[in-house]
């Protein structure tokens, strides 16, 4: 598992767009890791799974239809879509309450914080 924090290159107009930025960055990191693993141990048998808590971002990554809310982010979406279609990664929906990354990105109430910590295996 890998993670990093990075300021988005532009302002997102909605949460779906922000998630598409995140999916694009995660996909880029995934491609790099897969290439490194291939050099070290040969081909990777199972594509990595990227979890996302935004169904709209996942739907747009799978479905090439043009939407007025997404036409300006298509380059990022096409990059993710190509990798999904090639079988290089798999996108999976994770409910917000089970999104372990929330502990790294936002202030949570104690119960939610402890739940995320458990999900990360850091009890």
PDB file of N, CA and C in Angstrom:
ATOM      1  N   UNK A   1       0.840  -1.166   0.000  1.00  0.00           N
ATOM      2  CA  UNK A   1       0.000   0.000   0.000  1.00  0.00           C
ATOM      3  C   UNK A   1       0.893   1.240   0.000  1.00  0.00           C
ATOM      4  N   UNK A   2       0.449   2.242  -0.708  1.00  0.00           N
ATOM      5  CA  UNK A   2       1.184   3.489  -0.767  1.00  0.00           C
ATOM      6  C   UNK A   2       0.198   4.646  -0.665  1.00  0.00           C
ATOM      7  N   UNK A   3       0.649   5.775  -0.182  1.00  0.00           N
ATOM      8  CA  UNK A   3      -0.209   6.955  -0.132  1.00  0.00           C
ATOM      9  C   UNK A   3       0.655   8.195  -0.116  1.00  0.00           C
ATOM     10  N   UNK A   4       0.033   9.296  -0.475  1.00  0.00           N
ATOM     11  CA  UNK A   4       0.695  10.584  -0.381  1.00  0.00           C
ATOM     12  C   UNK A   4      -0.365  11.667  -0.369  1.00  0.00           C
ATOM     13  N   UNK A   5       0.031  12.814   0.058  1.00  0.00           N
ATOM     14  CA  UNK A   5      -0.849  13.962   0.083  1.00  0.00           C
ATOM     15  C   UNK A   5      -0.330  14.967  -0.939  1.00  0.00           C
ATOM     16  N   UNK A   6      -1.232  15.471  -1.771  1.00  0.00           N
ATOM     17  CA  UNK A   6      -0.805  16.399  -2.807  1.00  0.00           C
ATOM     18  C   UNK A   6      -1.922  17.400  -3.072  1.00  0.00           C
ATOM     19  N   UNK A   7      -1.559  18.649  -3.213  1.00  0.00           N
ATOM     20  CA  UNK A   7      -2.516  19.681  -3.558  1.00  0.00           C
ATOM     21  C   UNK A   7      -2.982  19.445  -4.990  1.00  0.00           C
ATOM     22  N   UNK A   8      -4.296  19.470  -5.219  1.00  0.00           N
ATOM     23  CA  UNK A   8      -4.822  19.276  -6.561  1.00  0.00           C
ATOM     24  C   UNK A   8      -4.344  20.394  -7.474  1.00  0.00           C
ATOM     25  N   UNK A   9      -4.082  20.063  -8.754  1.00  0.00           N
ATOM     26  CA  UNK A   9      -3.565  21.075  -9.678  1.00  0.00           C
ATOM     27  C   UNK A   9      -4.586  22.146 -10.043  1.00  0.00           C
ATOM     28  N   UNK A  10      -5.858  21.888  -9.843  1.00  0.00           N
ATOM     29  CA  UNK A  10      -6.881  22.886 -10.126  1.00  0.00           C
ATOM     30  C   UNK A  10      -8.035  22.714  -9.149  1.00  0.00           C
ATOM     31  N   UNK A  11      -8.923  23.674  -9.144  1.00  0.00           N
ATOM     32  CA  UNK A  11     -10.062  23.649  -8.228  1.00  0.00           C
ATOM     33  C   UNK A  11     -11.135  22.723  -8.788  1.00  0.00           C
ATOM     34  N   UNK A  12     -11.630  21.826  -7.947  1.00  0.00           N
ATOM     35  CA  UNK A  12     -12.711  20.932  -8.351  1.00  0.00           C
ATOM     36  C   UNK A  12     -14.040  21.656  -8.177  1.00  0.00           C
ATOM     37  N   UNK A  13     -14.915  21.522  -9.163  1.00  0.00           N
ATOM     38  CA  UNK A  13     -16.213  22.186  -9.108  1.00  0.00           C
ATOM     39  C   UNK A  13     -17.251  21.359  -8.366  1.00  0.00           C
ATOM     40  N   UNK A  14     -16.999  20.064  -8.188  1.00  0.00           N
ATOM     41  CA  UNK A  14     -17.910  19.202  -7.441  1.00  0.00           C
ATOM     42  C   UNK A  14     -17.137  18.002  -6.897  1.00  0.00           C
ATOM     43  N   UNK A  15     -17.782  17.216  -6.058  1.00  0.00           N
ATOM     44  CA  UNK A  15     -17.075  16.090  -5.429  1.00  0.00           C
ATOM     45  C   UNK A  15     -16.691  15.014  -6.440  1.00  0.00           C
ATOM     46  N   UNK A  16     -17.520  14.819  -7.457  1.00  0.00           N
ATOM     47  CA  UNK A  16     -17.180  13.825  -8.477  1.00  0.00           C
ATOM     48  C   UNK A  16     -15.883  14.207  -9.180  1.00  0.00           C
ATOM     49  N   UNK A  17     -15.733  15.477  -9.481  1.00  0.00           N
ATOM     50  CA  UNK A  17     -14.507  15.935 -10.136  1.00  0.00           C
ATOM     51  C   UNK A  17     -13.299  15.753  -9.220  1.00  0.00           C
ATOM     52  N   UNK A  18     -13.462  16.060  -7.944  1.00  0.00           N
ATOM     53  CA  UNK A  18     -12.372  15.875  -6.985  1.00  0.00           C
ATOM     54  C   UNK A  18     -11.988  14.402  -6.896  1.00  0.00           C
ATOM     55  N   UNK A  19     -12.977  13.519  -6.897  1.00  0.00           N
ATOM     56  CA  UNK A  19     -12.691  12.084  -6.860  1.00  0.00           C
ATOM     57  C   UNK A  19     -12.000  11.622  -8.139  1.00  0.00           C
ATOM     58  N   UNK A  20     -12.366  12.211  -9.283  1.00  0.00           N
ATOM     59  CA  UNK A  20     -11.698  11.865 -10.548  1.00  0.00           C
ATOM     60  C   UNK A  20     -10.228  12.270 -10.507  1.00  0.00           C
ATOM     61  N   UNK A  21      -9.936  13.436  -9.900  1.00  0.00           N
ATOM     62  CA  UNK A  21      -8.535  13.833  -9.716  1.00  0.00           C
ATOM     63  C   UNK A  21      -7.821  12.763  -8.886  1.00  0.00           C
ATOM     64  N   UNK A  22      -8.449  12.354  -7.793  1.00  0.00           N
ATOM     65  CA  UNK A  22      -7.859  11.346  -6.918  1.00  0.00           C
ATOM     66  C   UNK A  22      -7.669  10.008  -7.618  1.00  0.00           C
ATOM     67  N   UNK A  23      -8.676   9.584  -8.394  1.00  0.00           N
ATOM     68  CA  UNK A  23      -8.560   8.328  -9.136  1.00  0.00           C
ATOM     69  C   UNK A  23      -7.419   8.394 -10.148  1.00  0.00           C
ATOM     70  N   UNK A  24      -7.272   9.542 -10.800  1.00  0.00           N
ATOM     71  CA  UNK A  24      -6.196   9.710 -11.770  1.00  0.00           C
ATOM     72  C   UNK A  24      -4.826   9.587 -11.095  1.00  0.00           C
ATOM     73  N   UNK A  25      -4.668  10.235  -9.944  1.00  0.00           N
ATOM     74  CA  UNK A  25      -3.397  10.152  -9.207  1.00  0.00           C
ATOM     75  C   UNK A  25      -3.142   8.726  -8.716  1.00  0.00           C
ATOM     76  N   UNK A  26      -4.175   8.079  -8.185  1.00  0.00           N
ATOM     77  CA  UNK A  26      -4.030   6.709  -7.702  1.00  0.00           C
ATOM     78  C   UNK A  26      -3.708   5.755  -8.851  1.00  0.00           C
ATOM     79  N   UNK A  27      -4.320   5.980 -10.004  1.00  0.00           N
ATOM     80  CA  UNK A  27      -4.047   5.147 -11.177  1.00  0.00           C
ATOM     81  C   UNK A  27      -2.609   5.321 -11.636  1.00  0.00           C
ATOM     82  N   UNK A  28      -2.148   6.546 -11.662  1.00  0.00           N
ATOM     83  CA  UNK A  28      -0.763   6.820 -12.054  1.00  0.00           C
ATOM     84  C   UNK A  28       0.215   6.105 -11.117  1.00  0.00           C
ATOM     85  N   UNK A  29      -0.044   6.192  -9.818  1.00  0.00           N
ATOM     86  CA  UNK A  29       0.806   5.511  -8.832  1.00  0.00           C
ATOM     87  C   UNK A  29       0.743   3.996  -9.015  1.00  0.00           C
ATOM     88  N   UNK A  30      -0.440   3.487  -9.302  1.00  0.00           N
ATOM     89  CA  UNK A  30      -0.629   2.054  -9.503  1.00  0.00           C
ATOM     90  C   UNK A  30       0.160   1.554 -10.714  1.00  0.00           C
ATOM     91  N   UNK A  31       0.102   2.308 -11.801  1.00  0.00           N
ATOM     92  CA  UNK A  31       0.846   1.931 -13.015  1.00  0.00           C
ATOM     93  C   UNK A  31       2.340   1.889 -12.711  1.00  0.00           C
ATOM     94  N   UNK A  32       2.837   2.883 -11.992  1.00  0.00           N
ATOM     95  CA  UNK A  32       4.250   2.918 -11.642  1.00  0.00           C
ATOM     96  C   UNK A  32       4.630   1.710 -10.780  1.00  0.00           C
ATOM     97  N   UNK A  33       3.818   1.417  -9.763  1.00  0.00           N
ATOM     98  CA  UNK A  33       4.108   0.275  -8.888  1.00  0.00           C
ATOM     99  C   UNK A  33       4.066  -1.050  -9.649  1.00  0.00           C
ATOM    100  N   UNK A  34       3.094  -1.196 -10.544  1.00  0.00           N
ATOM    101  CA  UNK A  34       3.008  -2.426 -11.338  1.00  0.00           C
ATOM    102  C   UNK A  34       4.255  -2.604 -12.206  1.00  0.00           C
ATOM    103  N   UNK A  35       4.721  -1.546 -12.816  1.00  0.00           N
ATOM    104  CA  UNK A  35       5.917  -1.636 -13.661  1.00  0.00           C
ATOM    105  C   UNK A  35       7.155  -1.982 -12.834  1.00  0.00           C
ATOM    106  N   UNK A  36       7.250  -1.398 -11.636  1.00  0.00           N
ATOM    107  CA  UNK A  36       8.371  -1.714 -10.762  1.00  0.00           C
ATOM    108  C   UNK A  36       8.325  -3.180 -10.334  1.00  0.00           C
ATOM    109  N   UNK A  37       7.134  -3.670  -9.937  1.00  0.00           N
ATOM    110  CA  UNK A  37       6.998  -5.074  -9.537  1.00  0.00           C
ATOM    111  C   UNK A  37       7.298  -6.028 -10.689  1.00  0.00           C
ATOM    112  N   UNK A  38       6.877  -5.654 -11.891  1.00  0.00           N
ATOM    113  CA  UNK A  38       7.150  -6.480 -13.064  1.00  0.00           C
ATOM    114  C   UNK A  38       8.655  -6.606 -13.291  1.00  0.00           C
ATOM    115  N   UNK A  39       9.388  -5.507 -13.103  1.00  0.00           N
ATOM    116  CA  UNK A  39      10.844  -5.561 -13.242  1.00  0.00           C
ATOM    117  C   UNK A  39      11.482  -6.428 -12.164  1.00  0.00           C
ATOM    118  N   UNK A  40      10.929  -6.392 -10.949  1.00  0.00           N
ATOM    119  CA  UNK A  40      11.523  -7.135  -9.837  1.00  0.00           C
ATOM    120  C   UNK A  40      11.173  -8.617  -9.831  1.00  0.00           C
ATOM    121  N   UNK A  41       9.893  -8.939 -10.082  1.00  0.00           N
ATOM    122  CA  UNK A  41       9.453 -10.342  -9.924  1.00  0.00           C
ATOM    123  C   UNK A  41       8.769 -10.922 -11.151  1.00  0.00           C
ATOM    124  N   UNK A  42       8.721 -10.197 -12.224  1.00  0.00           N
ATOM    125  CA  UNK A  42       7.986 -10.666 -13.393  1.00  0.00           C
ATOM    126  C   UNK A  42       6.593 -10.063 -13.385  1.00  0.00           C
ATOM    127  N   UNK A  43       5.697 -10.647 -14.143  1.00  0.00           N
ATOM    128  CA  UNK A  43       4.361 -10.057 -14.259  1.00  0.00           C
ATOM    129  C   UNK A  43       3.562 -10.208 -12.969  1.00  0.00           C
ATOM    130  N   UNK A  44       2.686  -9.265 -12.721  1.00  0.00           N
ATOM    131  CA  UNK A  44       1.814  -9.332 -11.560  1.00  0.00           C
ATOM    132  C   UNK A  44       0.546 -10.074 -11.954  1.00  0.00           C
ATOM    133  N   UNK A  45       0.129 -11.018 -11.126  1.00  0.00           N
ATOM    134  CA  UNK A  45      -1.002 -11.885 -11.461  1.00  0.00           C
ATOM    135  C   UNK A  45      -2.354 -11.192 -11.282  1.00  0.00           C
ATOM    136  N   UNK A  46      -2.473 -10.397 -10.261  1.00  0.00           N
ATOM    137  CA  UNK A  46      -3.758  -9.790  -9.925  1.00  0.00           C
ATOM    138  C   UNK A  46      -3.656  -8.278 -10.050  1.00  0.00           C
ATOM    139  N   UNK A  47      -4.605  -7.655 -10.758  1.00  0.00           N
ATOM    140  CA  UNK A  47      -4.559  -6.196 -10.859  1.00  0.00           C
ATOM    141  C   UNK A  47      -4.856  -5.558  -9.509  1.00  0.00           C
ATOM    142  N   UNK A  48      -4.243  -4.420  -9.217  1.00  0.00           N
ATOM    143  CA  UNK A  48      -4.514  -3.746  -7.951  1.00  0.00           C
ATOM    144  C   UNK A  48      -5.946  -3.230  -7.900  1.00  0.00           C
ATOM    145  N   UNK A  49      -6.456  -3.069  -6.701  1.00  0.00           N
ATOM    146  CA  UNK A  49      -7.801  -2.559  -6.480  1.00  0.00           C
ATOM    147  C   UNK A  49      -7.688  -1.137  -5.932  1.00  0.00           C
ATOM    148  N   UNK A  50      -8.391  -0.211  -6.556  1.00  0.00           N
ATOM    149  CA  UNK A  50      -8.466   1.155  -6.064  1.00  0.00           C
ATOM    150  C   UNK A  50      -9.872   1.353  -5.528  1.00  0.00           C
ATOM    151  N   UNK A  51      -9.954   1.724  -4.261  1.00  0.00           N
ATOM    152  CA  UNK A  51     -11.257   1.921  -3.624  1.00  0.00           C
ATOM    153  C   UNK A  51     -11.642   3.391  -3.706  1.00  0.00           C
ATOM    154  N   UNK A  52     -12.907   3.629  -4.019  1.00  0.00           N
ATOM    155  CA  UNK A  52     -13.417   4.995  -4.168  1.00  0.00           C
ATOM    156  C   UNK A  52     -14.791   5.064  -3.529  1.00  0.00           C
ATOM    157  N   UNK A  53     -15.075   6.145  -2.804  1.00  0.00           N
ATOM    158  CA  UNK A  53     -16.373   6.274  -2.160  1.00  0.00           C
ATOM    159  C   UNK A  53     -17.344   7.152  -2.945  1.00  0.00           C
ATOM    160  N   UNK A  54     -17.080   7.344  -4.236  1.00  0.00           N
ATOM    161  CA  UNK A  54     -17.946   8.172  -5.065  1.00  0.00           C
ATOM    162  C   UNK A  54     -18.406   7.364  -6.273  1.00  0.00           C
ATOM    163  N   UNK A  55     -19.677   6.968  -6.266  1.00  0.00           N
ATOM    164  CA  UNK A  55     -20.197   6.124  -7.346  1.00  0.00           C
ATOM    165  C   UNK A  55     -20.196   6.842  -8.689  1.00  0.00           C
ATOM    166  N   UNK A  56     -20.379   8.160  -8.689  1.00  0.00           N
ATOM    167  CA  UNK A  56     -20.370   8.907  -9.949  1.00  0.00           C
ATOM    168  C   UNK A  56     -18.999   8.844 -10.614  1.00  0.00           C
ATOM    169  N   UNK A  57     -17.939   8.973  -9.843  1.00  0.00           N
ATOM    170  CA  UNK A  57     -16.585   8.907 -10.404  1.00  0.00           C
ATOM    171  C   UNK A  57     -16.297   7.514 -10.963  1.00  0.00           C
ATOM    172  N   UNK A  58     -16.751   6.473 -10.258  1.00  0.00           N
ATOM    173  CA  UNK A  58     -16.556   5.104 -10.747  1.00  0.00           C
ATOM    174  C   UNK A  58     -17.352   4.886 -12.026  1.00  0.00           C
ATOM    175  N   UNK A  59     -18.604   5.357 -12.050  1.00  0.00           N
ATOM    176  CA  UNK A  59     -19.446   5.189 -13.237  1.00  0.00           C
ATOM    177  C   UNK A  59     -18.841   5.879 -14.444  1.00  0.00           C
ATOM    178  N   UNK A  60     -18.338   7.090 -14.273  1.00  0.00           N
ATOM    179  CA  UNK A  60     -17.743   7.822 -15.393  1.00  0.00           C
ATOM    180  C   UNK A  60     -16.455   7.139 -15.860  1.00  0.00           C
ATOM    181  N   UNK A  61     -15.714   6.548 -14.936  1.00  0.00           N
ATOM    182  CA  UNK A  61     -14.491   5.835 -15.320  1.00  0.00           C
ATOM    183  C   UNK A  61     -14.806   4.574 -16.126  1.00  0.00           C
ATOM    184  N   UNK A  62     -15.973   3.983 -15.906  1.00  0.00           N
ATOM    185  CA  UNK A  62     -16.358   2.776 -16.642  1.00  0.00           C
ATOM    186  C   UNK A  62     -17.152   3.071 -17.906  1.00  0.00           C
ATOM    187  N   UNK A  63     -17.902   4.167 -17.929  1.00  0.00           N
ATOM    188  CA  UNK A  63     -18.835   4.459 -19.003  1.00  0.00           C
ATOM    189  C   UNK A  63     -18.366   5.673 -19.798  1.00  0.00           C
ATOM    190  N   UNK A  64     -18.119   5.500 -21.093  1.00  0.00           N
ATOM    191  CA  UNK A  64     -17.579   6.601 -21.896  1.00  0.00           C
ATOM    192  C   UNK A  64     -18.594   7.668 -22.318  1.00  0.00           C
ATOM    193  N   UNK A  65     -19.801   7.661 -21.771  1.00  0.00           N
ATOM    194  CA  UNK A  65     -20.761   8.677 -22.180  1.00  0.00           C
ATOM    195  C   UNK A  65     -20.310  10.063 -21.721  1.00  0.00           C
ATOM    196  N   UNK A  66     -20.652  11.045 -22.493  1.00  0.00           N
ATOM    197  CA  UNK A  66     -20.263  12.426 -22.199  1.00  0.00           C
ATOM    198  C   UNK A  66     -21.346  13.101 -21.365  1.00  0.00           C
ATOM    199  N   UNK A  67     -20.948  13.708 -20.282  1.00  0.00           N
ATOM    200  CA  UNK A  67     -21.868  14.446 -19.431  1.00  0.00           C
ATOM    201  C   UNK A  67     -21.401  15.901 -19.381  1.00  0.00           C
ATOM    202  N   UNK A  68     -22.339  16.821 -19.286  1.00  0.00           N
ATOM    203  CA  UNK A  68     -21.956  18.236 -19.262  1.00  0.00           C
ATOM    204  C   UNK A  68     -21.123  18.559 -18.027  1.00  0.00           C
ATOM    205  N   UNK A  69     -21.298  17.805 -16.943  1.00  0.00           N
ATOM    206  CA  UNK A  69     -20.535  18.062 -15.722  1.00  0.00           C
ATOM    207  C   UNK A  69     -19.131  17.456 -15.761  1.00  0.00           C
ATOM    208  N   UNK A  70     -18.876  16.585 -16.737  1.00  0.00           N
ATOM    209  CA  UNK A  70     -17.582  15.896 -16.746  1.00  0.00           C
ATOM    210  C   UNK A  70     -16.738  16.155 -17.983  1.00  0.00           C
ATOM    211  N   UNK A  71     -17.237  16.893 -18.957  1.00  0.00           N
ATOM    212  CA  UNK A  71     -16.485  17.037 -20.208  1.00  0.00           C
ATOM    213  C   UNK A  71     -15.143  17.724 -20.029  1.00  0.00           C
ATOM    214  N   UNK A  72     -15.009  18.580 -19.020  1.00  0.00           N
ATOM    215  CA  UNK A  72     -13.753  19.294 -18.813  1.00  0.00           C
ATOM    216  C   UNK A  72     -12.705  18.455 -18.076  1.00  0.00           C
ATOM    217  N   UNK A  73     -13.065  17.273 -17.586  1.00  0.00           N
ATOM    218  CA  UNK A  73     -12.093  16.424 -16.890  1.00  0.00           C
ATOM    219  C   UNK A  73     -11.833  15.124 -17.647  1.00  0.00           C
ATOM    220  N   UNK A  74     -12.241  15.065 -18.900  1.00  0.00           N
ATOM    221  CA  UNK A  74     -12.154  13.824 -19.663  1.00  0.00           C
ATOM    222  C   UNK A  74     -10.750  13.263 -19.809  1.00  0.00           C
ATOM    223  N   UNK A  75      -9.726  14.095 -19.898  1.00  0.00           N
ATOM    224  CA  UNK A  75      -8.366  13.578 -20.072  1.00  0.00           C
ATOM    225  C   UNK A  75      -7.999  12.673 -18.902  1.00  0.00           C
ATOM    226  N   UNK A  76      -8.272  13.121 -17.691  1.00  0.00           N
ATOM    227  CA  UNK A  76      -7.993  12.301 -16.504  1.00  0.00           C
ATOM    228  C   UNK A  76      -8.846  11.039 -16.503  1.00  0.00           C
ATOM    229  N   UNK A  77     -10.123  11.192 -16.866  1.00  0.00           N
ATOM    230  CA  UNK A  77     -11.032  10.049 -16.875  1.00  0.00           C
ATOM    231  C   UNK A  77     -10.606   9.036 -17.925  1.00  0.00           C
ATOM    232  N   UNK A  78     -10.177   9.507 -19.098  1.00  0.00           N
ATOM    233  CA  UNK A  78      -9.725   8.592 -20.147  1.00  0.00           C
ATOM    234  C   UNK A  78      -8.521   7.781 -19.686  1.00  0.00           C
ATOM    235  N   UNK A  79      -7.614   8.403 -18.963  1.00  0.00           N
ATOM    236  CA  UNK A  79      -6.443   7.696 -18.456  1.00  0.00           C
ATOM    237  C   UNK A  79      -6.873   6.554 -17.531  1.00  0.00           C
ATOM    238  N   UNK A  80      -7.788   6.828 -16.617  1.00  0.00           N
ATOM    239  CA  UNK A  80      -8.286   5.807 -15.694  1.00  0.00           C
ATOM    240  C   UNK A  80      -9.052   4.739 -16.473  1.00  0.00           C
ATOM    241  N   UNK A  81      -9.929   5.174 -17.384  1.00  0.00           N
ATOM    242  CA  UNK A  81     -10.747   4.249 -18.166  1.00  0.00           C
ATOM    243  C   UNK A  81      -9.885   3.280 -18.980  1.00  0.00           C
ATOM    244  N   UNK A  82      -8.810   3.783 -19.588  1.00  0.00           N
ATOM    245  CA  UNK A  82      -7.908   2.920 -20.366  1.00  0.00           C
ATOM    246  C   UNK A  82      -7.281   1.839 -19.491  1.00  0.00           C
ATOM    247  N   UNK A  83      -6.880   2.197 -18.296  1.00  0.00           N
ATOM    248  CA  UNK A  83      -6.254   1.232 -17.387  1.00  0.00           C
ATOM    249  C   UNK A  83      -7.260   0.192 -16.901  1.00  0.00           C
ATOM    250  N   UNK A  84      -8.503   0.617 -16.653  1.00  0.00           N
ATOM    251  CA  UNK A  84      -9.546  -0.329 -16.237  1.00  0.00           C
ATOM    252  C   UNK A  84      -9.840  -1.295 -17.381  1.00  0.00           C
ATOM    253  N   UNK A  85     -10.005  -0.745 -18.591  1.00  0.00           N
ATOM    254  CA  UNK A  85     -10.303  -1.568 -19.760  1.00  0.00           C
ATOM    255  C   UNK A  85      -9.177  -2.561 -20.054  1.00  0.00           C
ATOM    256  N   UNK A  86      -7.939  -2.161 -19.822  1.00  0.00           N
ATOM    257  CA  UNK A  86      -6.796  -3.035 -20.080  1.00  0.00           C
ATOM    258  C   UNK A  86      -6.611  -4.081 -18.982  1.00  0.00           C
ATOM    259  N   UNK A  87      -7.407  -3.988 -17.933  1.00  0.00           N
ATOM    260  CA  UNK A  87      -7.297  -4.945 -16.833  1.00  0.00           C
ATOM    261  C   UNK A  87      -6.122  -4.665 -15.913  1.00  0.00           C
ATOM    262  N   UNK A  88      -5.561  -3.460 -16.001  1.00  0.00           N
ATOM    263  CA  UNK A  88      -4.410  -3.111 -15.176  1.00  0.00           C
ATOM    264  C   UNK A  88      -4.804  -2.691 -13.768  1.00  0.00           C
ATOM    265  N   UNK A  89      -6.080  -2.407 -13.558  1.00  0.00           N
ATOM    266  CA  UNK A  89      -6.561  -2.090 -12.219  1.00  0.00           C
ATOM    267  C   UNK A  89      -8.055  -2.312 -12.154  1.00  0.00           C
ATOM    268  N   UNK A  90      -8.564  -2.368 -10.941  1.00  0.00           N
ATOM    269  CA  UNK A  90      -9.979  -2.585 -10.707  1.00  0.00           C
ATOM    270  C   UNK A  90     -10.474  -1.498  -9.756  1.00  0.00           C
ATOM    271  N   UNK A  91     -11.592  -0.868 -10.113  1.00  0.00           N
ATOM    272  CA  UNK A  91     -12.197   0.143  -9.254  1.00  0.00           C
ATOM    273  C   UNK A  91     -13.307  -0.501  -8.441  1.00  0.00           C
ATOM    274  N   UNK A  92     -13.313  -0.245  -7.147  1.00  0.00           N
ATOM    275  CA  UNK A  92     -14.305  -0.824  -6.252  1.00  0.00           C
ATOM    276  C   UNK A  92     -14.908   0.288  -5.400  1.00  0.00           C
ATOM    277  N   UNK A  93     -16.229   0.236  -5.251  1.00  0.00           N
ATOM    278  CA  UNK A  93     -16.906   1.201  -4.389  1.00  0.00           C
ATOM    279  C   UNK A  93     -16.718   0.803  -2.934  1.00  0.00           C
ATOM    280  N   UNK A  94     -16.393   1.757  -2.107  1.00  0.00           N
ATOM    281  CA  UNK A  94     -16.317   1.557  -0.660  1.00  0.00           C
ATOM    282  C   UNK A  94     -17.211   2.616  -0.017  1.00  0.00           C
ATOM    283  N   UNK A  95     -18.163   2.206   0.835  1.00  0.00           N
ATOM    284  CA  UNK A  95     -19.022   3.203   1.490  1.00  0.00           C
ATOM    285  C   UNK A  95     -18.180   4.180   2.311  1.00  0.00           C
ATOM    286  N   UNK A  96     -18.619   5.400   2.396  1.00  0.00           N
ATOM    287  CA  UNK A  96     -17.870   6.434   3.115  1.00  0.00           C
ATOM    288  C   UNK A  96     -17.557   6.028   4.547  1.00  0.00           C
ATOM    289  N   UNK A  97     -18.482   5.338   5.201  1.00  0.00           N
ATOM    290  CA  UNK A  97     -18.246   4.937   6.593  1.00  0.00           C
ATOM    291  C   UNK A  97     -17.111   3.916   6.714  1.00  0.00           C
ATOM    292  N   UNK A  98     -16.783   3.234   5.628  1.00  0.00           N
ATOM    293  CA  UNK A  98     -15.711   2.239   5.638  1.00  0.00           C
ATOM    294  C   UNK A  98     -14.467   2.701   4.892  1.00  0.00           C
ATOM    295  N   UNK A  99     -14.377   3.985   4.614  1.00  0.00           N
ATOM    296  CA  UNK A  99     -13.239   4.530   3.888  1.00  0.00           C
ATOM    297  C   UNK A  99     -12.123   4.866   4.878  1.00  0.00           C
ATOM    298  N   UNK A 100     -11.159   3.977   4.981  1.00  0.00           N
ATOM    299  CA  UNK A 100     -10.073   4.134   5.957  1.00  0.00           C
ATOM    300  C   UNK A 100      -9.244   5.388   5.709  1.00  0.00           C
ATOM    301  N   UNK A 101      -9.200   5.867   4.479  1.00  0.00           N
ATOM    302  CA  UNK A 101      -8.397   7.051   4.154  1.00  0.00           C
ATOM    303  C   UNK A 101      -8.952   8.321   4.791  1.00  0.00           C
ATOM    304  N   UNK A 102     -10.197   8.308   5.218  1.00  0.00           N
ATOM    305  CA  UNK A 102     -10.781   9.508   5.826  1.00  0.00           C
ATOM    306  C   UNK A 102      -9.989   9.984   7.037  1.00  0.00           C
ATOM    307  N   UNK A 103      -9.388   9.054   7.769  1.00  0.00           N
ATOM    308  CA  UNK A 103      -8.620   9.444   8.946  1.00  0.00           C
ATOM    309  C   UNK A 103      -7.406  10.289   8.559  1.00  0.00           C
ATOM    310  N   UNK A 104      -6.951  10.158   7.329  1.00  0.00           N
ATOM    311  CA  UNK A 104      -5.791  10.909   6.846  1.00  0.00           C
ATOM    312  C   UNK A 104      -6.169  12.245   6.203  1.00  0.00           C
ATOM    313  N   UNK A 105      -7.454  12.416   5.891  1.00  0.00           N
ATOM    314  CA  UNK A 105      -7.837  13.588   5.106  1.00  0.00           C
ATOM    315  C   UNK A 105      -8.818  14.534   5.774  1.00  0.00           C
ATOM    316  N   UNK A 106      -9.433  14.128   6.889  1.00  0.00           N
ATOM    317  CA  UNK A 106     -10.422  15.009   7.519  1.00  0.00           C
ATOM    318  C   UNK A 106     -10.526  14.764   9.007  1.00  0.00           C
ATOM    319  N   UNK A 107     -11.041  15.753   9.695  1.00  0.00           N
ATOM    320  CA  UNK A 107     -11.285  15.615  11.126  1.00  0.00           C
ATOM    321  C   UNK A 107     -12.512  14.746  11.361  1.00  0.00           C
ATOM    322  N   UNK A 108     -12.382  13.740  12.194  1.00  0.00           N
ATOM    323  CA  UNK A 108     -13.477  12.819  12.458  1.00  0.00           C
ATOM    324  C   UNK A 108     -13.835  12.814  13.933  1.00  0.00           C
ATOM    325  N   UNK A 109     -15.067  12.420  14.219  1.00  0.00           N
ATOM    326  CA  UNK A 109     -15.451  12.209  15.608  1.00  0.00           C
ATOM    327  C   UNK A 109     -14.693  10.992  16.114  1.00  0.00           C
ATOM    328  N   UNK A 110     -14.599  10.874  17.418  1.00  0.00           N
ATOM    329  CA  UNK A 110     -13.786   9.829  18.035  1.00  0.00           C
ATOM    330  C   UNK A 110     -14.139   8.416  17.543  1.00  0.00           C
ATOM    331  N   UNK A 111     -15.438   8.089  17.509  1.00  0.00           N
ATOM    332  CA  UNK A 111     -15.867   6.746  17.098  1.00  0.00           C
ATOM    333  C   UNK A 111     -15.446   6.476  15.652  1.00  0.00           C
ATOM    334  N   UNK A 112     -15.675   7.434  14.756  1.00  0.00           N
ATOM    335  CA  UNK A 112     -15.292   7.273  13.354  1.00  0.00           C
ATOM    336  C   UNK A 112     -13.777   7.171  13.214  1.00  0.00           C
ATOM    337  N   UNK A 113     -13.057   7.985  13.978  1.00  0.00           N
ATOM    338  CA  UNK A 113     -11.592   7.939  13.956  1.00  0.00           C
ATOM    339  C   UNK A 113     -11.082   6.556  14.375  1.00  0.00           C
ATOM    340  N   UNK A 114     -11.605   6.040  15.456  1.00  0.00           N
ATOM    341  CA  UNK A 114     -11.180   4.722  15.945  1.00  0.00           C
ATOM    342  C   UNK A 114     -11.534   3.623  14.945  1.00  0.00           C
ATOM    343  N   UNK A 115     -12.685   3.761  14.279  1.00  0.00           N
ATOM    344  CA  UNK A 115     -13.075   2.777  13.256  1.00  0.00           C
ATOM    345  C   UNK A 115     -12.070   2.783  12.100  1.00  0.00           C
ATOM    346  N   UNK A 116     -11.682   3.967  11.629  1.00  0.00           N
ATOM    347  CA  UNK A 116     -10.699   4.077  10.546  1.00  0.00           C
ATOM    348  C   UNK A 116      -9.362   3.520  10.957  1.00  0.00           C
ATOM    349  N   UNK A 117      -8.954   3.778  12.175  1.00  0.00           N
ATOM    350  CA  UNK A 117      -7.682   3.258  12.691  1.00  0.00           C
ATOM    351  C   UNK A 117      -7.706   1.737  12.682  1.00  0.00           C
ATOM    352  N   UNK A 118      -8.831   1.151  13.088  1.00  0.00           N
ATOM    353  CA  UNK A 118      -8.969  -0.322  13.057  1.00  0.00           C
ATOM    354  C   UNK A 118      -8.903  -0.844  11.626  1.00  0.00           C
ATOM    355  N   UNK A 119      -9.567  -0.120  10.684  1.00  0.00           N
ATOM    356  CA  UNK A 119      -9.536  -0.544   9.280  1.00  0.00           C
ATOM    357  C   UNK A 119      -8.104  -0.557   8.728  1.00  0.00           C
ATOM    358  N   UNK A 120      -7.279   0.360   9.232  1.00  0.00           N
ATOM    359  CA  UNK A 120      -5.882   0.421   8.794  1.00  0.00           C
ATOM    360  C   UNK A 120      -4.990  -0.587   9.534  1.00  0.00           C
ATOM    361  N   UNK A 121      -5.577  -1.306  10.494  1.00  0.00           N
ATOM    362  CA  UNK A 121      -4.814  -2.291  11.249  1.00  0.00           C
ATOM    363  C   UNK A 121      -3.851  -1.654  12.242  1.00  0.00           C
ATOM    364  N   UNK A 122      -4.212  -0.492  12.769  1.00  0.00           N
ATOM    365  CA  UNK A 122      -3.316   0.241  13.659  1.00  0.00           C
ATOM    366  C   UNK A 122      -3.862   0.340  15.079  1.00  0.00           C
ATOM    367  N   UNK A 123      -4.513  -0.693  15.551  1.00  0.00           N
ATOM    368  CA  UNK A 123      -5.080  -0.662  16.905  1.00  0.00           C
ATOM    369  C   UNK A 123      -3.998  -0.623  17.946  1.00  0.00           C
TER     370      UNK A 123
END
